[in-house]
C-alpha cells in the first residue's frame, strides 16, 4: 500500500528512535513521489548531514551510485567502489549511508556484487535503494530489503468521507435546538464514519501484508514475518489516526485497534 512521504518518514523516525531501523530499505514509487527526498531525510536523520546536502559534494560518509555508463546502467565498478567506502570506519555517532537511485538500472553483475553487502552489511551502515520499477530487480535483492512504497503525492482523505462529514456538519448547523436525542444520534453517526475509515485502512494494510507473505515466504524466516506483522499493525494505527485527524473529528470513547 502506497504511503504519503510524510507518513513514511514519521514511521522511519520512530523506528530509528527505538533502535529498530533495518539495515536496508527499498523506496519505490512513481516519478515525483519523493523517493530521493525521503532518502535524503532518512540519511540526514542517521548521519547528521543536512537533507539538502545529502546528494551534494558536501555530504560526508554518504555514498551515491547512479547510472553513469553509456548504457545508463550502474556497473560493477561503481558497486565495488561503494562497498569499499562502506568498509571505512564511520565518524563517532554517525552511520554510513549508501544510496542507489534507479536501482532497477543495476547491471546483473553489479546486482550480484551488491547482494553480498545486503547479506552482510558493514557495521554502522544504512543501505537505501530507490526504484520506480522494483519488479525489474532480482528477487534475491527484493527479499533482503524492507519495502517502502510511496504514493505520487500526499493523499487527502477520500471524497466519500469528506462528503459524509460535510452532511453531518450541515445537519448540526440547521438544527434550531439541540436535544439529548439529536446529540446522541450525531455522535453515533460520527462513530460510524470513523469505523468505516478504520475498516478501510485495516483492509488495505492486511492486503499489503498478505502480498509480502506470499512473495517472501520461501526467501525469509519466520522472525522476519513476525516483524512485518508488527510493522503493519503499527502502520494501520498510524494511518487511521492520520485520516481521523484530516477529518478533524474524534468523539470521546472511541476504541483503538486491538
C-alpha atoms as a PDB file:
ATOM      1  CA  UNK A   1       0.000   0.000   0.000  1.00  0.00           C
ATOM      2  CA  UNK A   2       1.495   3.319  -1.100  1.00  0.00           C
ATOM      3  CA  UNK A   3       2.208   5.813   1.688  1.00  0.00           C
ATOM      4  CA  UNK A   4       2.429   9.598   1.756  1.00  0.00           C
ATOM      5  CA  UNK A   5       6.081  10.564   2.150  1.00  0.00           C
ATOM      6  CA  UNK A   6       5.430  12.334   5.468  1.00  0.00           C
ATOM      7  CA  UNK A   7       3.836   9.189   6.905  1.00  0.00           C
ATOM      8  CA  UNK A   8       6.747   7.029   5.757  1.00  0.00           C
ATOM      9  CA  UNK A   9       9.276   9.436   7.288  1.00  0.00           C
ATOM     10  CA  UNK A  10       7.452   9.538  10.622  1.00  0.00           C
ATOM     11  CA  UNK A  11       7.375   5.750  10.791  1.00  0.00           C
ATOM     12  CA  UNK A  12      11.092   5.544   9.989  1.00  0.00           C
ATOM     13  CA  UNK A  13      11.851   8.226  12.563  1.00  0.00           C
ATOM     14  CA  UNK A  14      10.097   6.222  15.274  1.00  0.00           C
ATOM     15  CA  UNK A  15      11.936   3.076  14.227  1.00  0.00           C
ATOM     16  CA  UNK A  16      15.232   4.967  14.485  1.00  0.00           C
ATOM     17  CA  UNK A  17      14.387   6.373  17.914  1.00  0.00           C
ATOM     18  CA  UNK A  18      13.515   2.867  19.124  1.00  0.00           C
ATOM     19  CA  UNK A  19      16.739   1.452  17.626  1.00  0.00           C
ATOM     20  CA  UNK A  20      14.691  -0.730  15.264  1.00  0.00           C
ATOM     21  CA  UNK A  21      15.778   0.703  11.934  1.00  0.00           C
ATOM     22  CA  UNK A  22      16.510  -2.004   9.359  1.00  0.00           C
ATOM     23  CA  UNK A  23      19.836  -2.096   7.519  1.00  0.00           C
ATOM     24  CA  UNK A  24      18.314  -1.926   4.017  1.00  0.00           C
ATOM     25  CA  UNK A  25      15.235  -0.248   2.549  1.00  0.00           C
ATOM     26  CA  UNK A  26      13.795  -0.272  -0.961  1.00  0.00           C
ATOM     27  CA  UNK A  27      11.927   3.002  -1.543  1.00  0.00           C
ATOM     28  CA  UNK A  28       9.596   2.702  -4.521  1.00  0.00           C
ATOM     29  CA  UNK A  29       7.044   4.906  -6.220  1.00  0.00           C
ATOM     30  CA  UNK A  30       6.242   6.712  -9.468  1.00  0.00           C
ATOM     31  CA  UNK A  31       8.118   9.827 -10.609  1.00  0.00           C
ATOM     32  CA  UNK A  32       7.531  12.834  -8.316  1.00  0.00           C
ATOM     33  CA  UNK A  33       6.630  10.600  -5.369  1.00  0.00           C
ATOM     34  CA  UNK A  34       9.562  11.948  -3.365  1.00  0.00           C
ATOM     35  CA  UNK A  35      11.849   8.894  -3.281  1.00  0.00           C
ATOM     36  CA  UNK A  36      15.058  10.928  -3.211  1.00  0.00           C
ATOM     37  CA  UNK A  37      13.580  13.416  -0.750  1.00  0.00           C
ATOM     38  CA  UNK A  38      12.702  10.602   1.660  1.00  0.00           C
ATOM     39  CA  UNK A  39      16.142   9.038   1.200  1.00  0.00           C
ATOM     40  CA  UNK A  40      17.780  12.396   1.947  1.00  0.00           C
ATOM     41  CA  UNK A  41      15.616  12.919   5.038  1.00  0.00           C
ATOM     42  CA  UNK A  42      16.394   9.447   6.376  1.00  0.00           C
ATOM     43  CA  UNK A  43      20.108   9.817   5.611  1.00  0.00           C
ATOM     44  CA  UNK A  44      20.087  13.152   7.419  1.00  0.00           C
ATOM     45  CA  UNK A  45      18.393  11.554  10.422  1.00  0.00           C
ATOM     46  CA  UNK A  46      21.031   8.841  10.886  1.00  0.00           C
ATOM     47  CA  UNK A  47      24.088  10.673   9.555  1.00  0.00           C
ATOM     48  CA  UNK A  48      23.577  14.292  10.599  1.00  0.00           C
ATOM     49  CA  UNK A  49      24.159  15.763   7.138  1.00  0.00           C
ATOM     50  CA  UNK A  50      21.504  18.386   6.261  1.00  0.00           C
ATOM     51  CA  UNK A  51      18.938  16.815   3.921  1.00  0.00           C
ATOM     52  CA  UNK A  52      19.613  19.443   1.238  1.00  0.00           C
ATOM     53  CA  UNK A  53      23.291  18.425   1.157  1.00  0.00           C
ATOM     54  CA  UNK A  54      22.858  14.636   1.047  1.00  0.00           C
ATOM     55  CA  UNK A  55      23.199  14.389  -2.744  1.00  0.00           C
ATOM     56  CA  UNK A  56      25.883  17.086  -2.958  1.00  0.00           C
ATOM     57  CA  UNK A  57      29.658  17.110  -2.655  1.00  0.00           C
ATOM     58  CA  UNK A  58      29.257  18.473   0.894  1.00  0.00           C
ATOM     59  CA  UNK A  59      27.977  15.137   2.201  1.00  0.00           C
ATOM     60  CA  UNK A  60      30.362  13.070   4.305  1.00  0.00           C
ATOM     61  CA  UNK A  61      30.051   9.279   4.662  1.00  0.00           C
ATOM     62  CA  UNK A  62      27.113   9.264   2.238  1.00  0.00           C
ATOM     63  CA  UNK A  63      27.844   7.352  -0.967  1.00  0.00           C
ATOM     64  CA  UNK A  64      25.659   7.516  -4.070  1.00  0.00           C
ATOM     65  CA  UNK A  65      25.770   5.224  -7.111  1.00  0.00           C
ATOM     66  CA  UNK A  66      23.798   6.496 -10.111  1.00  0.00           C
ATOM     67  CA  UNK A  67      23.636   5.177 -13.685  1.00  0.00           C
ATOM     68  CA  UNK A  68      26.700   6.704 -15.366  1.00  0.00           C
ATOM     69  CA  UNK A  69      27.859   4.404 -18.147  1.00  0.00           C
ATOM     70  CA  UNK A  70      26.977   4.943 -21.797  1.00  0.00           C
ATOM     71  CA  UNK A  71      24.234   2.381 -21.404  1.00  0.00           C
ATOM     72  CA  UNK A  72      22.795   4.318 -18.442  1.00  0.00           C
ATOM     73  CA  UNK A  73      23.393   1.356 -16.170  1.00  0.00           C
ATOM     74  CA  UNK A  74      25.013   1.030 -12.758  1.00  0.00           C
ATOM     75  CA  UNK A  75      28.100  -1.081 -13.331  1.00  0.00           C
ATOM     76  CA  UNK A  76      30.079  -3.424 -11.091  1.00  0.00           C
ATOM     77  CA  UNK A  77      32.973  -0.973 -10.667  1.00  0.00           C
ATOM     78  CA  UNK A  78      30.603   1.551  -9.072  1.00  0.00           C
ATOM     79  CA  UNK A  79      29.302  -1.058  -6.631  1.00  0.00           C
ATOM     80  CA  UNK A  80      32.842  -2.139  -5.735  1.00  0.00           C
ATOM     81  CA  UNK A  81      33.780   1.486  -5.009  1.00  0.00           C
ATOM     82  CA  UNK A  82      30.641   1.937  -2.906  1.00  0.00           C
ATOM     83  CA  UNK A  83      31.354  -1.254  -0.949  1.00  0.00           C
ATOM     84  CA  UNK A  84      34.936  -0.164  -0.296  1.00  0.00           C
ATOM     85  CA  UNK A  85      33.714   3.194   1.047  1.00  0.00           C
ATOM     86  CA  UNK A  86      31.226   1.468   3.343  1.00  0.00           C
ATOM     87  CA  UNK A  87      34.001  -0.623   4.885  1.00  0.00           C
ATOM     88  CA  UNK A  88      35.759   2.504   6.177  1.00  0.00           C
ATOM     89  CA  UNK A  89      35.279   3.394   9.844  1.00  0.00           C
ATOM     90  CA  UNK A  90      32.406   5.816  10.475  1.00  0.00           C
ATOM     91  CA  UNK A  91      32.737   9.010  12.487  1.00  0.00           C
ATOM     92  CA  UNK A  92      31.557   8.509  16.064  1.00  0.00           C
ATOM     93  CA  UNK A  93      27.782   8.837  16.361  1.00  0.00           C
ATOM     94  CA  UNK A  94      27.170   8.677  12.615  1.00  0.00           C
ATOM     95  CA  UNK A  95      26.128   5.984  10.181  1.00  0.00           C
ATOM     96  CA  UNK A  96      27.476   5.467   6.708  1.00  0.00           C
ATOM     97  CA  UNK A  97      24.719   5.633   4.111  1.00  0.00           C
ATOM     98  CA  UNK A  98      24.726   4.111   0.616  1.00  0.00           C
ATOM     99  CA  UNK A  99      22.045   5.373  -1.776  1.00  0.00           C
ATOM    100  CA  UNK A 100      21.346   3.769  -5.149  1.00  0.00           C
ATOM    101  CA  UNK A 101      18.836   5.859  -7.129  1.00  0.00           C
ATOM    102  CA  UNK A 102      17.352   3.977 -10.097  1.00  0.00           C
ATOM    103  CA  UNK A 103      18.373   0.659  -8.551  1.00  0.00           C
ATOM    104  CA  UNK A 104      16.498  -1.122 -11.345  1.00  0.00           C
ATOM    105  CA  UNK A 105      19.346   0.062 -13.601  1.00  0.00           C
ATOM    106  CA  UNK A 106      21.853  -2.213 -11.860  1.00  0.00           C
ATOM    107  CA  UNK A 107      23.637  -4.485 -14.309  1.00  0.00           C
ATOM    108  CA  UNK A 108      23.204  -8.161 -13.469  1.00  0.00           C
ATOM    109  CA  UNK A 109      26.814  -8.473 -12.360  1.00  0.00           C
ATOM    110  CA  UNK A 110      26.523  -5.310 -10.270  1.00  0.00           C
ATOM    111  CA  UNK A 111      23.340  -6.576  -8.602  1.00  0.00           C
ATOM    112  CA  UNK A 112      25.055  -9.862  -7.774  1.00  0.00           C
ATOM    113  CA  UNK A 113      28.027  -7.981  -6.341  1.00  0.00           C
ATOM    114  CA  UNK A 114      25.775  -5.842  -4.159  1.00  0.00           C
ATOM    115  CA  UNK A 115      23.913  -8.883  -2.848  1.00  0.00           C
ATOM    116  CA  UNK A 116      26.781  -9.797  -0.517  1.00  0.00           C
ATOM    117  CA  UNK A 117      26.662  -6.312   1.020  1.00  0.00           C
ATOM    118  CA  UNK A 118      22.925  -6.732   1.617  1.00  0.00           C
ATOM    119  CA  UNK A 119      23.509 -10.113   3.229  1.00  0.00           C
ATOM    120  CA  UNK A 120      26.424  -8.913   5.379  1.00  0.00           C
ATOM    121  CA  UNK A 121      26.040  -5.138   5.761  1.00  0.00           C
ATOM    122  CA  UNK A 122      29.085  -3.290   7.140  1.00  0.00           C
ATOM    123  CA  UNK A 123      28.838  -2.055  10.710  1.00  0.00           C
ATOM    124  CA  UNK A 124      27.005   1.264  11.194  1.00  0.00           C
ATOM    125  CA  UNK A 125      25.708   1.334   7.637  1.00  0.00           C
ATOM    126  CA  UNK A 126      22.317   2.015   6.051  1.00  0.00           C
ATOM    127  CA  UNK A 127      21.523   0.891   2.504  1.00  0.00           C
ATOM    128  CA  UNK A 128      18.827   2.716   0.516  1.00  0.00           C
ATOM    129  CA  UNK A 129      17.711   1.507  -2.905  1.00  0.00           C
ATOM    130  CA  UNK A 130      15.300   3.687  -4.895  1.00  0.00           C
ATOM    131  CA  UNK A 131      13.252   2.497  -7.844  1.00  0.00           C
ATOM    132  CA  UNK A 132      10.182   3.295  -9.911  1.00  0.00           C
ATOM    133  CA  UNK A 133      10.384  -0.246 -11.372  1.00  0.00           C
ATOM    134  CA  UNK A 134      11.077  -2.596  -8.459  1.00  0.00           C
ATOM    135  CA  UNK A 135       9.815  -5.553 -10.490  1.00  0.00           C
ATOM    136  CA  UNK A 136      12.999  -5.218 -12.583  1.00  0.00           C
ATOM    137  CA  UNK A 137      15.175  -6.007  -9.543  1.00  0.00           C
ATOM    138  CA  UNK A 138      16.238  -9.590  -8.791  1.00  0.00           C
ATOM    139  CA  UNK A 139      14.117 -11.399  -6.215  1.00  0.00           C
ATOM    140  CA  UNK A 140      17.246 -12.000  -4.141  1.00  0.00           C
ATOM    141  CA  UNK A 141      17.635  -8.255  -3.647  1.00  0.00           C
ATOM    142  CA  UNK A 142      13.925  -7.581  -3.114  1.00  0.00           C
ATOM    143  CA  UNK A 143      13.695 -10.172  -0.366  1.00  0.00           C
ATOM    144  CA  UNK A 144      16.546  -8.590   1.607  1.00  0.00           C
ATOM    145  CA  UNK A 145      15.114  -5.078   1.750  1.00  0.00           C
ATOM    146  CA  UNK A 146      12.183  -3.603   3.644  1.00  0.00           C
ATOM    147  CA  UNK A 147       9.889  -2.132   1.007  1.00  0.00           C
ATOM    148  CA  UNK A 148       8.539   1.414   1.407  1.00  0.00           C
ATOM    149  CA  UNK A 149       6.123   2.188  -1.449  1.00  0.00           C
ATOM    150  CA  UNK A 150       5.338   5.896  -1.822  1.00  0.00           C
ATOM    151  CA  UNK A 151       2.222   7.467  -3.282  1.00  0.00           C
ATOM    152  CA  UNK A 152       2.557  10.005  -6.096  1.00  0.00           C
ATOM    153  CA  UNK A 153       1.824  12.765  -3.593  1.00  0.00           C
ATOM    154  CA  UNK A 154       0.222  13.229  -0.183  1.00  0.00           C
ATOM    155  CA  UNK A 155      -3.156  11.573  -0.405  1.00  0.00           C
ATOM    156  CA  UNK A 156      -6.044  13.518   1.167  1.00  0.00           C
ATOM    157  CA  UNK A 157      -8.932  11.777   2.881  1.00  0.00           C
ATOM    158  CA  UNK A 158     -11.291  10.146   0.435  1.00  0.00           C
ATOM    159  CA  UNK A 159     -14.032  12.226  -1.143  1.00  0.00           C
ATOM    160  CA  UNK A 160     -16.681   9.926   0.261  1.00  0.00           C
ATOM    161  CA  UNK A 161     -15.515  10.567   3.817  1.00  0.00           C
ATOM    162  CA  UNK A 162     -15.405  14.316   3.264  1.00  0.00           C
ATOM    163  CA  UNK A 163     -18.919  14.337   1.799  1.00  0.00           C
ATOM    164  CA  UNK A 164     -20.311  12.403   4.769  1.00  0.00           C
ATOM    165  CA  UNK A 165     -18.598  14.730   7.203  1.00  0.00           C
ATOM    166  CA  UNK A 166     -19.980  17.801   5.430  1.00  0.00           C
ATOM    167  CA  UNK A 167     -23.501  16.359   5.599  1.00  0.00           C
ATOM    168  CA  UNK A 168     -23.160  15.736   9.325  1.00  0.00           C
ATOM    169  CA  UNK A 169     -21.954  19.279   9.919  1.00  0.00           C
ATOM    170  CA  UNK A 170     -24.772  20.671   7.800  1.00  0.00           C
ATOM    171  CA  UNK A 171     -27.295  18.735   9.876  1.00  0.00           C
ATOM    172  CA  UNK A 172     -25.820  20.183  13.036  1.00  0.00           C
ATOM    173  CA  UNK A 173     -25.851  23.750  11.704  1.00  0.00           C
ATOM    174  CA  UNK A 174     -29.513  23.504  10.638  1.00  0.00           C
ATOM    175  CA  UNK A 175     -30.702  22.150  13.968  1.00  0.00           C
ATOM    176  CA  UNK A 176     -32.508  25.025  15.784  1.00  0.00           C
ATOM    177  CA  UNK A 177     -32.229  23.414  19.218  1.00  0.00           C
ATOM    178  CA  UNK A 178     -30.161  20.501  20.389  1.00  0.00           C
ATOM    179  CA  UNK A 179     -31.853  17.723  22.295  1.00  0.00           C
ATOM    180  CA  UNK A 180     -30.111  14.853  24.014  1.00  0.00           C
ATOM    181  CA  UNK A 181     -31.527  12.517  21.361  1.00  0.00           C
ATOM    182  CA  UNK A 182     -30.137  14.619  18.479  1.00  0.00           C
ATOM    183  CA  UNK A 183     -26.692  14.904  20.105  1.00  0.00           C
ATOM    184  CA  UNK A 184     -26.625  11.130  20.681  1.00  0.00           C
ATOM    185  CA  UNK A 185     -27.630  10.409  17.070  1.00  0.00           C
ATOM    186  CA  UNK A 186     -24.987  12.818  15.748  1.00  0.00           C
ATOM    187  CA  UNK A 187     -22.315  11.178  17.911  1.00  0.00           C
ATOM    188  CA  UNK A 188     -23.374   7.752  16.631  1.00  0.00           C
ATOM    189  CA  UNK A 189     -23.058   8.900  13.026  1.00  0.00           C
ATOM    190  CA  UNK A 190     -19.582  10.284  13.702  1.00  0.00           C
ATOM    191  CA  UNK A 191     -18.626   6.950  15.248  1.00  0.00           C
ATOM    192  CA  UNK A 192     -19.961   5.115  12.212  1.00  0.00           C
ATOM    193  CA  UNK A 193     -17.884   7.310   9.897  1.00  0.00           C
ATOM    194  CA  UNK A 194     -14.740   6.624  11.940  1.00  0.00           C
ATOM    195  CA  UNK A 195     -15.420   2.888  11.982  1.00  0.00           C
ATOM    196  CA  UNK A 196     -15.652   2.931   8.192  1.00  0.00           C
ATOM    197  CA  UNK A 197     -12.301   4.742   7.981  1.00  0.00           C
ATOM    198  CA  UNK A 198     -10.746   2.243  10.401  1.00  0.00           C
ATOM    199  CA  UNK A 199     -12.047  -0.765   8.466  1.00  0.00           C
ATOM    200  CA  UNK A 200     -10.839   0.645   5.145  1.00  0.00           C
ATOM    201  CA  UNK A 201      -7.320   1.276   6.486  1.00  0.00           C
ATOM    202  CA  UNK A 202      -7.217  -2.162   8.154  1.00  0.00           C
ATOM    203  CA  UNK A 203      -8.275  -3.856   4.917  1.00  0.00           C
ATOM    204  CA  UNK A 204      -5.560  -2.042   2.931  1.00  0.00           C
ATOM    205  CA  UNK A 205      -2.772  -2.940   5.364  1.00  0.00           C
ATOM    206  CA  UNK A 206      -3.970  -6.545   5.687  1.00  0.00           C
ATOM    207  CA  UNK A 207      -3.830  -6.916   1.902  1.00  0.00           C
ATOM    208  CA  UNK A 208      -0.335  -5.410   1.777  1.00  0.00           C
ATOM    209  CA  UNK A 209       0.877  -7.855   4.450  1.00  0.00           C
ATOM    210  CA  UNK A 210      -0.651 -10.812   2.583  1.00  0.00           C
ATOM    211  CA  UNK A 211       1.191  -9.812  -0.590  1.00  0.00           C
ATOM    212  CA  UNK A 212       4.508  -9.677   1.305  1.00  0.00           C
ATOM    213  CA  UNK A 213       3.881 -13.039   2.980  1.00  0.00           C
ATOM    214  CA  UNK A 214       3.127 -14.646  -0.380  1.00  0.00           C
ATOM    215  CA  UNK A 215       6.118 -13.045  -2.060  1.00  0.00           C
ATOM    216  CA  UNK A 216       8.752 -13.761   0.576  1.00  0.00           C
ATOM    217  CA  UNK A 217       7.555 -16.902   2.343  1.00  0.00           C
ATOM    218  CA  UNK A 218      10.263 -19.030   0.696  1.00  0.00           C
ATOM    219  CA  UNK A 219      13.020 -16.426   0.978  1.00  0.00           C
ATOM    220  CA  UNK A 220      12.838 -15.296   4.599  1.00  0.00           C
ATOM    221  CA  UNK A 221      12.461 -16.768   8.053  1.00  0.00           C
ATOM    222  CA  UNK A 222       9.547 -16.626  10.461  1.00  0.00           C
ATOM    223  CA  UNK A 223      11.146 -13.937  12.625  1.00  0.00           C
ATOM    224  CA  UNK A 224      11.176 -11.543   9.678  1.00  0.00           C
ATOM    225  CA  UNK A 225       7.483 -12.184   9.021  1.00  0.00           C
ATOM    226  CA  UNK A 226       6.682 -11.518  12.674  1.00  0.00           C
ATOM    227  CA  UNK A 227       8.486  -8.186  12.397  1.00  0.00           C
ATOM    228  CA  UNK A 228       6.454  -7.316   9.312  1.00  0.00           C
ATOM    229  CA  UNK A 229       3.226  -8.149  11.146  1.00  0.00           C
ATOM    230  CA  UNK A 230       4.232  -5.714  13.888  1.00  0.00           C
ATOM    231  CA  UNK A 231       5.147  -3.147  11.215  1.00  0.00           C
ATOM    232  CA  UNK A 232       1.724  -3.331   9.585  1.00  0.00           C
ATOM    233  CA  UNK A 233      -0.075  -3.261  12.927  1.00  0.00           C
ATOM    234  CA  UNK A 234       1.682  -0.003  13.818  1.00  0.00           C
ATOM    235  CA  UNK A 235       1.188   1.343  10.305  1.00  0.00           C
ATOM    236  CA  UNK A 236      -2.546   0.638  10.470  1.00  0.00           C
ATOM    237  CA  UNK A 237      -2.914   2.678  13.649  1.00  0.00           C
ATOM    238  CA  UNK A 238      -0.734   5.474  12.278  1.00  0.00           C
ATOM    239  CA  UNK A 239      -2.683   5.778   9.011  1.00  0.00           C
ATOM    240  CA  UNK A 240      -6.014   5.650  10.818  1.00  0.00           C
ATOM    241  CA  UNK A 241      -5.002   8.458  13.192  1.00  0.00           C
ATOM    242  CA  UNK A 242      -3.788  10.484  10.224  1.00  0.00           C
ATOM    243  CA  UNK A 243      -7.071  10.024   8.367  1.00  0.00           C
ATOM    244  CA  UNK A 244      -9.050  10.853  11.506  1.00  0.00           C
ATOM    245  CA  UNK A 245      -7.002  13.995  12.101  1.00  0.00           C
ATOM    246  CA  UNK A 246      -7.594  15.069   8.496  1.00  0.00           C
ATOM    247  CA  UNK A 247     -11.340  14.884   9.160  1.00  0.00           C
ATOM    248  CA  UNK A 248     -10.813  16.780  12.451  1.00  0.00           C
ATOM    249  CA  UNK A 249     -13.235  14.519  14.286  1.00  0.00           C
ATOM    250  CA  UNK A 250     -12.802  12.149  17.164  1.00  0.00           C
ATOM    251  CA  UNK A 251     -15.681  11.597  19.563  1.00  0.00           C
ATOM    252  CA  UNK A 252     -14.803  10.563  23.110  1.00  0.00           C
ATOM    253  CA  UNK A 253     -14.626   6.901  23.934  1.00  0.00           C
ATOM    254  CA  UNK A 254     -13.758   5.501  20.519  1.00  0.00           C
ATOM    255  CA  UNK A 255     -11.734   2.306  20.576  1.00  0.00           C
ATOM    256  CA  UNK A 256      -8.229   1.832  19.239  1.00  0.00           C
ATOM    257  CA  UNK A 257      -7.072  -1.173  17.232  1.00  0.00           C
ATOM    258  CA  UNK A 258      -6.600  -4.361  19.172  1.00  0.00           C
END
